[in-house]
């Protein structure tokens, strides 16, 4: 027989169905034969027995749950922390790879960030199917291997393959599962917990550029990058030995796409808004250091610290919006931080001094950090059950990954010869994309509210 869980409620927090003690929405049961007094559940494919016991309520705390948060923090430091660090690599490669354009160099960082997101349609269903540990080990291995290989690179194509492809693939395998797993351990404070874990990214984004900037002139590019790889290796021991799922995989046959999501206007508009927003979100992270150098803003040895300031602002940006999301709703906060990022990008058009650029870097880090950290909570709030979260995250991450892949190279192509008009055009492109993205997210919220009203009337 087929058992379906239809008893769900909607809360003011914006998380949609109450998933504190539900199991994946459908489990197929095999009735017991007379000679076998212990019936057992089988997967949809009928290959392996699955437990029929109902998992206990979501812990919402405890040592085991917080260890998962720590592991997720490390993974986000290993993944988004590296992506946020690429600004210092961009400047180094422009100095040491003659004949390679800034747009071509930005493809390295864009590819790394894009693969981090675009592997989601693979890692999401595999996570839902119960392969969390395998994804974790494979991803960590590729990240460490890619960084060590980057330290040996001497040409553009070698760097593209090692830092762009190898590290990017590793990041993509571990990022989504390490975020999705937190929904198995927390419900009431889910958005806040995801925000706390997400601070691993900006903290690493602060430390790694400073570390590279101090080491590279003294011991060279190779050993500076290898030391960073050894640090990543040491950190990765924590999630490798401690992270694990709490719920068994559901019996659903997995696919790369949740077709029910394609019929959900709110979800599809969030996907579209994420695409447009991520086209421009990382433009300051890639180009603010170059902007400071080109406009003689601040001391020459301070330019790399603007990337650090972006990450510093992103630390409260990962926590404060997520804390508020638990109060007012995740999608409301995503709209707010996207609109705030757009306003700040417009403000960048008029900045020509160090004080202004410092304030911009901190505030933009604050708002753009919220765009990244709230996204998983928004997806959970739009998902009918936890068994679909990984797949739906993968769908949106794939689309956002395409935007990251093409967004910063488009900005680099607009920048061209670094003229004043070119800088204005590039920044204007970023501001326009973020504005349109926030408008599309607003439309998604309207459709979500309409759907909730229909469910209430039904």
Protein backbone atom coordinates (compact mmCIF):
# COMPACT_ATOMS: atom_id res chain seq x y z
CA UNK A 1 0.00 0.00 0.00
CA UNK A 2 1.04 3.61 -0.38
CA UNK A 3 1.19 5.92 2.58
CA UNK A 4 1.07 9.70 2.04
CA UNK A 5 1.55 12.38 4.65
CA UNK A 6 -0.94 15.15 3.95
CA UNK A 7 -1.17 16.69 7.39
CA UNK A 8 0.86 19.87 6.99
CA UNK A 9 0.42 23.33 8.37
CA UNK A 10 1.74 26.74 7.35
CA UNK A 11 3.42 29.01 9.88
CA UNK A 12 4.03 32.75 9.93
CA UNK A 13 7.77 32.21 9.75
CA UNK A 14 7.53 31.64 6.02
CA UNK A 15 8.77 28.07 6.01
CA UNK A 16 5.60 26.64 4.52
CA UNK A 17 4.71 23.10 5.59
CA UNK A 18 5.57 22.09 9.14
CA UNK A 19 8.33 19.56 8.59
CA UNK A 20 9.44 19.03 12.17
CA UNK A 21 8.40 15.42 12.41
CA UNK A 22 7.39 14.42 8.90
CA UNK A 23 9.11 11.81 6.85
CA UNK A 24 9.57 12.01 3.08
CA UNK A 25 6.15 12.25 1.50
CA UNK A 26 5.83 8.75 0.14
CA UNK A 27 7.14 5.34 1.23
CA UNK A 28 6.19 2.06 -0.41
CA UNK A 29 5.49 -0.80 2.02
CA UNK A 30 5.71 -4.48 1.28
CA UNK A 31 3.06 -6.44 3.28
CA UNK A 32 4.36 -9.30 5.39
CA UNK A 33 3.96 -12.83 4.15
CA UNK A 34 2.53 -15.31 6.69
CA UNK A 35 5.94 -16.90 7.19
CA UNK A 36 7.62 -13.55 7.71
CA UNK A 37 6.25 -11.75 10.77
CA UNK A 38 8.47 -8.66 10.25
CA UNK A 39 7.39 -6.57 7.26
CA UNK A 40 9.95 -4.25 5.77
CA UNK A 41 9.85 -1.23 3.48
CA UNK A 42 11.57 -1.25 0.14
CA UNK A 43 12.76 1.57 -2.04
CA UNK A 44 10.88 2.55 -5.17
CA UNK A 45 13.34 0.51 -7.18
CA UNK A 46 12.89 -2.45 -4.84
CA UNK A 47 16.63 -2.82 -4.44
CA UNK A 48 17.32 -2.19 -0.76
CA UNK A 49 15.19 -2.40 2.37
CA UNK A 50 14.45 0.90 4.05
CA UNK A 51 13.47 1.51 7.63
CA UNK A 52 9.76 2.01 8.27
CA UNK A 53 10.26 3.60 11.64
CA UNK A 54 9.20 7.21 11.83
CA UNK A 55 12.15 9.48 12.72
CA UNK A 56 11.77 11.45 15.91
CA UNK A 57 11.02 15.16 15.89
CA UNK A 58 13.61 17.58 14.54
CA UNK A 59 16.07 18.11 17.44
CA UNK A 60 16.39 21.91 17.00
CA UNK A 61 19.61 21.78 19.02
CA UNK A 62 21.87 19.45 20.94
CA UNK A 63 25.53 18.52 20.48
CA UNK A 64 25.00 16.35 17.42
CA UNK A 65 22.99 19.03 15.62
CA UNK A 66 25.51 21.79 16.34
CA UNK A 67 28.38 19.58 15.17
CA UNK A 68 26.63 19.45 11.79
CA UNK A 69 26.53 23.26 11.81
CA UNK A 70 30.28 23.34 12.49
CA UNK A 71 30.91 20.92 9.63
CA UNK A 72 28.75 22.99 7.32
CA UNK A 73 30.67 26.12 8.40
CA UNK A 74 33.94 24.48 7.36
CA UNK A 75 32.54 23.37 4.00
CA UNK A 76 31.32 26.88 3.25
CA UNK A 77 34.77 28.22 4.16
CA UNK A 78 36.34 25.67 1.80
CA UNK A 79 33.95 26.51 -1.06
CA UNK A 80 32.51 30.03 -1.11
CA UNK A 81 35.54 31.22 0.86
CA UNK A 82 37.74 30.29 -2.09
CA UNK A 83 35.35 31.88 -4.59
CA UNK A 84 35.32 35.12 -2.59
CA UNK A 85 39.13 35.09 -2.56
CA UNK A 86 39.51 35.08 -6.33
CA UNK A 87 39.86 38.88 -6.50
CA UNK A 88 43.47 38.66 -5.27
CA UNK A 89 44.18 35.86 -7.76
CA UNK A 90 42.63 37.99 -10.54
CA UNK A 91 45.09 40.80 -9.80
CA UNK A 92 48.04 38.38 -9.57
CA UNK A 93 47.21 36.64 -12.87
CA UNK A 94 46.81 39.97 -14.67
CA UNK A 95 50.34 40.80 -13.56
CA UNK A 96 51.92 37.42 -14.39
CA UNK A 97 50.00 36.16 -17.44
CA UNK A 98 50.92 38.66 -20.17
CA UNK A 99 48.62 38.82 -23.16
CA UNK A 100 45.64 37.39 -21.27
CA UNK A 101 42.72 39.83 -20.98
CA UNK A 102 40.96 40.58 -17.67
CA UNK A 103 37.79 39.06 -19.12
CA UNK A 104 39.61 35.81 -19.92
CA UNK A 105 41.15 35.67 -16.44
CA UNK A 106 37.78 36.26 -14.82
CA UNK A 107 36.55 33.08 -16.54
CA UNK A 108 38.70 31.13 -14.07
CA UNK A 109 36.89 32.49 -11.03
CA UNK A 110 33.54 32.48 -12.82
CA UNK A 111 33.96 28.82 -13.76
CA UNK A 112 34.88 27.94 -10.19
CA UNK A 113 31.80 29.69 -8.80
CA UNK A 114 29.56 28.43 -11.59
CA UNK A 115 30.50 24.78 -11.10
CA UNK A 116 29.95 25.22 -7.36
CA UNK A 117 26.32 25.95 -8.23
CA UNK A 118 25.80 24.02 -11.47
CA UNK A 119 26.77 20.62 -10.03
CA UNK A 120 23.69 20.98 -7.82
CA UNK A 121 21.35 19.01 -10.14
CA UNK A 122 23.71 16.05 -9.63
CA UNK A 123 24.64 16.46 -5.97
CA UNK A 124 21.06 17.35 -4.94
CA UNK A 125 19.35 14.13 -6.09
CA UNK A 126 22.34 12.07 -4.86
CA UNK A 127 21.99 13.71 -1.45
CA UNK A 128 18.25 12.98 -1.41
CA UNK A 129 19.04 9.36 -2.34
CA UNK A 130 21.36 8.93 0.67
CA UNK A 131 24.86 9.47 -0.78
CA UNK A 132 25.86 12.34 1.51
CA UNK A 133 29.12 10.81 2.77
CA UNK A 134 30.27 9.82 -0.71
CA UNK A 135 29.64 13.35 -1.98
CA UNK A 136 31.51 14.80 0.99
CA UNK A 137 34.65 12.74 0.50
CA UNK A 138 34.74 13.17 -3.29
CA UNK A 139 34.26 16.93 -3.06
CA UNK A 140 36.91 17.49 -0.38
CA UNK A 141 39.40 15.41 -2.37
CA UNK A 142 38.86 17.44 -5.56
CA UNK A 143 39.15 20.79 -3.74
CA UNK A 144 42.46 19.88 -2.10
CA UNK A 145 43.83 18.27 -5.28
CA UNK A 146 42.83 21.30 -7.36
CA UNK A 147 44.58 23.75 -5.03
CA UNK A 148 47.79 21.71 -5.00
CA UNK A 149 47.72 21.48 -8.80
CA UNK A 150 47.10 25.25 -9.04
CA UNK A 151 50.32 25.82 -7.11
CA UNK A 152 52.20 24.07 -9.95
CA UNK A 153 50.53 25.91 -12.84
CA UNK A 154 52.46 28.19 -15.20
CA UNK A 155 49.99 28.86 -18.04
CA UNK A 156 46.45 30.19 -18.34
CA UNK A 157 44.92 26.88 -19.44
CA UNK A 158 46.58 25.00 -16.59
CA UNK A 159 45.11 27.44 -14.07
CA UNK A 160 41.70 27.26 -15.75
CA UNK A 161 41.61 23.46 -15.44
CA UNK A 162 43.06 23.23 -11.92
CA UNK A 163 41.53 26.21 -10.11
CA UNK A 164 38.47 26.63 -12.30
CA UNK A 165 37.37 23.08 -13.14
CA UNK A 166 38.87 20.78 -10.47
CA UNK A 167 38.27 23.05 -7.47
CA UNK A 168 34.89 24.11 -8.88
CA UNK A 169 33.68 20.52 -9.26
CA UNK A 170 34.77 19.67 -5.73
CA UNK A 171 32.97 22.71 -4.35
CA UNK A 172 29.84 21.76 -6.26
CA UNK A 173 29.75 18.24 -4.84
CA UNK A 174 29.86 19.36 -1.20
CA UNK A 175 28.18 22.80 -1.08
CA UNK A 176 24.53 21.86 -1.57
CA UNK A 177 24.51 18.71 0.65
CA UNK A 178 26.31 20.49 3.49
CA UNK A 179 23.61 23.19 3.47
CA UNK A 180 20.60 20.93 2.91
CA UNK A 181 21.55 18.62 5.80
CA UNK A 182 20.85 21.38 8.35
CA UNK A 183 17.11 21.18 7.59
CA UNK A 184 17.17 17.66 9.09
CA UNK A 185 18.42 19.00 12.44
CA UNK A 186 16.69 22.39 12.79
CA UNK A 187 13.20 23.73 12.11
CA UNK A 188 12.26 26.71 14.29
CA UNK A 189 15.65 28.42 13.88
CA UNK A 190 16.50 26.99 10.48
CA UNK A 191 17.21 30.29 8.72
CA UNK A 192 19.39 31.57 11.58
CA UNK A 193 21.36 28.32 11.74
CA UNK A 194 21.99 28.36 7.98
CA UNK A 195 23.14 31.96 8.36
CA UNK A 196 25.55 31.03 11.15
CA UNK A 197 27.00 28.22 9.04
CA UNK A 198 27.28 30.60 6.09
CA UNK A 199 29.64 32.88 8.04
CA UNK A 200 32.36 30.37 7.19
CA UNK A 201 32.44 31.84 3.70
CA UNK A 202 33.15 35.50 4.57
CA UNK A 203 35.53 34.64 7.41
CA UNK A 204 37.58 32.55 4.99
CA UNK A 205 37.12 35.30 2.41
CA UNK A 206 38.75 37.70 4.88
CA UNK A 207 41.61 35.45 5.94
CA UNK A 208 42.61 33.87 2.62
CA UNK A 209 43.29 37.13 0.69
CA UNK A 210 45.36 38.52 3.59
CA UNK A 211 47.25 35.23 3.86
CA UNK A 212 47.95 35.09 0.12
CA UNK A 213 48.88 38.78 0.00
CA UNK A 214 51.46 38.33 2.78
CA UNK A 215 52.89 35.00 1.61
CA UNK A 216 53.12 35.46 -2.17
CA UNK A 217 55.78 38.24 -2.15
CA UNK A 218 57.87 36.35 0.41
CA UNK A 219 57.73 32.69 -0.63
CA UNK A 220 56.24 32.85 -4.13
CA UNK A 221 52.92 31.91 -5.69
CA UNK A 222 53.49 28.14 -5.52
CA UNK A 223 54.12 27.82 -1.80
CA UNK A 224 51.56 30.49 -0.90
CA UNK A 225 48.90 28.43 -2.67
CA UNK A 226 50.18 25.15 -1.20
CA UNK A 227 49.97 26.54 2.33
CA UNK A 228 46.35 27.49 1.66
CA UNK A 229 45.75 23.93 0.42
CA UNK A 230 47.24 22.47 3.61
CA UNK A 231 44.98 24.73 5.70
CA UNK A 232 41.94 23.53 3.73
CA UNK A 233 43.05 19.93 4.27
CA UNK A 234 43.28 20.41 8.03
CA UNK A 235 39.90 22.13 8.24
CA UNK A 236 38.21 19.47 6.12
CA UNK A 237 38.94 16.76 8.68
CA UNK A 238 36.07 18.15 10.81
CA UNK A 239 33.21 17.56 8.34
CA UNK A 240 34.82 14.41 6.97
CA UNK A 241 34.62 12.61 10.32
CA UNK A 242 31.57 14.21 11.95
CA UNK A 243 28.84 15.03 9.41
CA UNK A 244 26.05 12.54 8.68
CA UNK A 245 22.37 12.57 7.78
CA UNK A 246 19.66 11.99 10.41
CA UNK A 247 16.84 10.79 8.13
CA UNK A 248 16.90 7.74 5.84
CA UNK A 249 16.54 8.39 2.11
CA UNK A 250 12.99 8.31 0.82
CA UNK A 251 11.77 5.68 -1.62
CA UNK A 252 11.28 8.19 -4.45
CA UNK A 253 12.95 7.42 -7.74
CA UNK A 254 15.35 10.34 -8.17
CA UNK A 255 15.61 12.63 -11.20
CA UNK A 256 17.60 15.77 -11.90
CA UNK A 257 14.42 17.87 -12.04
CA UNK A 258 11.40 18.01 -9.74
CA UNK A 259 8.64 18.37 -12.33
CA UNK A 260 6.14 19.58 -9.74
CA UNK A 261 8.34 22.65 -9.23
CA UNK A 262 7.93 23.57 -12.90
CA UNK A 263 4.21 24.07 -12.25
CA UNK A 264 4.83 26.34 -9.25
CA UNK A 265 4.89 30.00 -10.41
CA UNK A 266 6.50 31.24 -7.18
CA UNK A 267 9.35 28.72 -7.45
CA UNK A 268 9.96 29.47 -11.13
CA UNK A 269 10.04 33.22 -10.48
CA UNK A 270 12.52 32.72 -7.64
CA UNK A 271 14.65 30.75 -10.09
CA UNK A 272 14.44 33.58 -12.66
CA UNK A 273 15.19 36.23 -10.04
CA UNK A 274 18.19 34.25 -8.81
CA UNK A 275 19.55 34.04 -12.36
CA UNK A 276 19.32 37.79 -12.99
CA UNK A 277 20.65 38.70 -9.54
CA UNK A 278 23.65 36.36 -9.69
CA UNK A 279 24.64 37.83 -13.06
CA UNK A 280 25.96 40.85 -11.19
CA UNK A 281 26.32 39.91 -7.54
CA UNK A 282 30.00 38.95 -7.73
CA UNK A 283 31.13 41.87 -9.90
CA UNK A 284 32.48 43.85 -6.89
CA UNK A 285 34.23 40.77 -5.48
CA UNK A 286 36.14 40.32 -8.74
CA UNK A 287 36.82 43.96 -9.66
CA UNK A 288 36.90 46.17 -6.55
CA UNK A 289 40.64 45.69 -6.06
CA UNK A 290 41.30 46.54 -9.70
CA UNK A 291 38.97 49.55 -9.39
CA UNK A 292 41.00 50.86 -6.43
CA UNK A 293 44.30 50.42 -8.29
CA UNK A 294 42.99 51.98 -11.51
CA UNK A 295 41.64 55.05 -9.68
CA UNK A 296 44.61 55.42 -7.26
CA UNK A 297 42.32 54.99 -4.25
CA UNK A 298 44.28 54.46 -1.03
CA UNK A 299 47.84 53.18 -0.59
CA UNK A 300 49.01 50.64 -3.16
CA UNK A 301 49.43 47.91 -0.53
CA UNK A 302 45.86 48.43 0.74
CA UNK A 303 44.01 47.50 -2.46
CA UNK A 304 43.77 43.80 -1.59
CA UNK A 305 42.04 44.69 1.68
CA UNK A 306 38.94 45.88 -0.18
CA UNK A 307 38.17 42.22 -0.94
CA UNK A 308 38.64 41.53 2.76
CA UNK A 309 36.23 44.35 3.65
CA UNK A 310 33.58 42.83 1.38
CA UNK A 311 33.94 39.57 3.29
CA UNK A 312 33.96 41.37 6.65
CA UNK A 313 30.64 43.01 5.83
CA UNK A 314 29.31 39.67 4.70
CA UNK A 315 29.70 38.12 8.18
CA UNK A 316 26.75 39.99 9.74
CA UNK A 317 25.13 39.78 6.30
CA UNK A 318 24.92 36.01 6.68
CA UNK A 319 23.36 36.18 10.16
CA UNK A 320 21.16 39.28 10.53
CA UNK A 321 18.96 38.77 7.43
CA UNK A 322 18.56 35.08 8.30
CA UNK A 323 17.58 35.92 11.87
CA UNK A 324 14.96 38.33 10.53
CA UNK A 325 13.83 35.72 7.99
CA UNK A 326 12.68 33.51 10.86
CA UNK A 327 10.49 36.43 11.97
CA UNK A 328 9.09 37.93 8.75
CA UNK A 329 9.65 35.26 6.09
CA UNK A 330 12.61 34.18 3.97
CA UNK A 331 11.41 35.50 0.62
CA UNK A 332 10.65 38.95 2.08
CA UNK A 333 14.25 39.16 3.28
CA UNK A 334 15.68 37.94 -0.02
CA UNK A 335 13.80 40.73 -1.80
CA UNK A 336 15.13 43.27 0.72
CA UNK A 337 18.80 42.29 0.44
CA UNK A 338 18.62 42.11 -3.38
CA UNK A 339 17.11 45.61 -3.54
CA UNK A 340 19.69 46.91 -1.05
CA UNK A 341 22.51 45.45 -3.16
CA UNK A 342 21.11 47.21 -6.23
CA UNK A 343 20.99 50.58 -4.44
CA UNK A 344 24.60 50.17 -3.29
CA UNK A 345 25.74 49.26 -6.79
CA UNK A 346 24.19 52.50 -8.07
CA UNK A 347 26.02 54.34 -5.27
CA UNK A 348 29.33 52.84 -6.47
CA UNK A 349 28.97 54.92 -9.64
CA UNK A 350 29.81 58.08 -7.68
CA UNK A 351 32.61 56.80 -5.42
CA UNK A 352 36.11 58.22 -6.04
CA UNK A 353 37.79 58.24 -2.59
CA UNK A 354 38.99 55.73 -0.05
CA UNK A 355 36.39 56.45 2.64
CA UNK A 356 33.54 56.00 0.18
CA UNK A 357 34.96 52.75 -1.20
CA UNK A 358 35.51 51.34 2.30
CA UNK A 359 31.90 52.09 3.27
CA UNK A 360 30.64 50.63 -0.02
CA UNK A 361 32.66 47.42 0.45
CA UNK A 362 31.35 46.81 3.98
CA UNK A 363 27.71 47.58 3.14
CA UNK A 364 27.73 45.65 -0.12
CA UNK A 365 29.19 42.66 1.71
CA UNK A 366 26.37 42.96 4.25
CA UNK A 367 23.55 42.89 1.67
CA UNK A 368 25.09 40.51 -0.88
CA UNK A 369 25.95 38.06 1.90
CA UNK A 370 22.26 37.86 2.70
CA UNK A 371 21.43 37.03 -0.91
CA UNK A 372 23.56 33.89 -0.70
CA UNK A 373 22.68 32.71 2.81
CA UNK A 374 18.89 33.16 2.58
CA UNK A 375 18.50 31.29 -0.70
CA UNK A 376 18.46 27.75 0.84
CA UNK A 377 15.79 28.81 3.35
CA UNK A 378 13.66 30.27 0.56
CA UNK A 379 13.87 26.97 -1.32
CA UNK A 380 12.87 25.00 1.79
CA UNK A 381 9.87 27.32 2.27
CA UNK A 382 8.73 26.59 -1.30
CA UNK A 383 9.22 22.80 -1.07
CA UNK A 384 6.29 20.50 -0.14
CA UNK A 385 8.51 18.12 1.87
CA UNK A 386 12.15 17.59 2.88
CA UNK A 387 12.52 14.75 0.37
CA UNK A 388 12.51 17.27 -2.49
CA UNK A 389 14.74 19.95 -0.96
CA UNK A 390 18.02 18.69 -2.43
CA UNK A 391 16.62 18.36 -5.94
CA UNK A 392 14.99 21.81 -5.85
CA UNK A 393 18.15 23.40 -4.48
CA UNK A 394 20.02 21.77 -7.32
CA UNK A 395 17.65 23.25 -9.90
CA UNK A 396 18.03 26.82 -8.64
CA UNK A 397 21.77 26.44 -8.04
CA UNK A 398 22.24 25.25 -11.62
CA UNK A 399 20.51 28.33 -13.01
CA UNK A 400 22.42 30.62 -10.63
CA UNK A 401 25.64 28.88 -11.66
CA UNK A 402 25.05 29.74 -15.31
CA UNK A 403 24.58 33.37 -14.25
CA UNK A 404 27.85 33.35 -12.28
CA UNK A 405 29.63 31.72 -15.22
CA UNK A 406 28.69 34.43 -17.71
CA UNK A 407 28.06 37.40 -15.41
CA UNK A 408 31.58 38.49 -14.45
CA UNK A 409 33.10 37.82 -17.92
CA UNK A 410 30.34 40.04 -19.35
CA UNK A 411 31.42 42.68 -16.84
CA UNK A 412 35.05 42.20 -17.90
CA UNK A 413 34.15 42.56 -21.57
CA UNK A 414 32.26 45.79 -20.81
CA UNK A 415 35.24 47.06 -18.81
CA UNK A 416 37.57 46.66 -21.77
CA UNK A 417 40.30 49.31 -21.61
CA UNK A 418 39.63 50.49 -18.02
CA UNK A 419 38.51 53.93 -19.20
CA UNK A 420 36.24 56.02 -16.99
CA UNK A 421 33.25 55.42 -19.25
CA UNK A 422 33.96 51.67 -19.26
CA UNK A 423 33.96 51.52 -15.45
CA UNK A 424 30.66 53.43 -15.33
CA UNK A 425 29.12 51.08 -17.90
CA UNK A 426 30.26 47.96 -16.03
CA UNK A 427 28.93 49.18 -12.69
CA UNK A 428 25.68 50.28 -14.36
CA UNK A 429 25.28 46.79 -15.81
CA UNK A 430 25.58 45.31 -12.32
CA UNK A 431 23.13 47.77 -10.79
CA UNK A 432 20.54 47.14 -13.51
CA UNK A 433 20.77 43.34 -13.15
CA UNK A 434 20.30 43.48 -9.37
CA UNK A 435 17.34 45.84 -9.76
CA UNK A 436 15.58 43.53 -12.21
CA UNK A 437 16.36 40.53 -10.00
CA UNK A 438 14.72 42.15 -6.96
CA UNK A 439 11.63 42.99 -9.04
CA UNK A 440 11.27 39.38 -10.21
CA UNK A 441 11.60 38.13 -6.62
CA UNK A 442 8.83 40.53 -5.62
CA UNK A 443 6.59 38.95 -8.25
CA UNK A 444 7.46 35.52 -6.79
CA UNK A 445 6.30 36.66 -3.35
CA UNK A 446 2.98 37.84 -4.82
CA UNK A 447 2.38 34.40 -6.35
CA UNK A 448 3.40 32.68 -3.09
CA UNK A 449 0.83 34.74 -1.17
CA UNK A 450 -1.86 33.93 -3.74
CA UNK A 451 -1.09 30.23 -3.39
CA UNK A 452 -1.33 30.41 0.41
CA UNK A 453 -4.73 32.11 0.15
CA UNK A 454 -6.01 29.37 -2.18
CA UNK A 455 -4.77 26.66 0.21
CA UNK A 456 -6.47 28.43 3.11
CA UNK A 457 -9.79 28.63 1.27
CA UNK A 458 -9.53 24.97 0.27
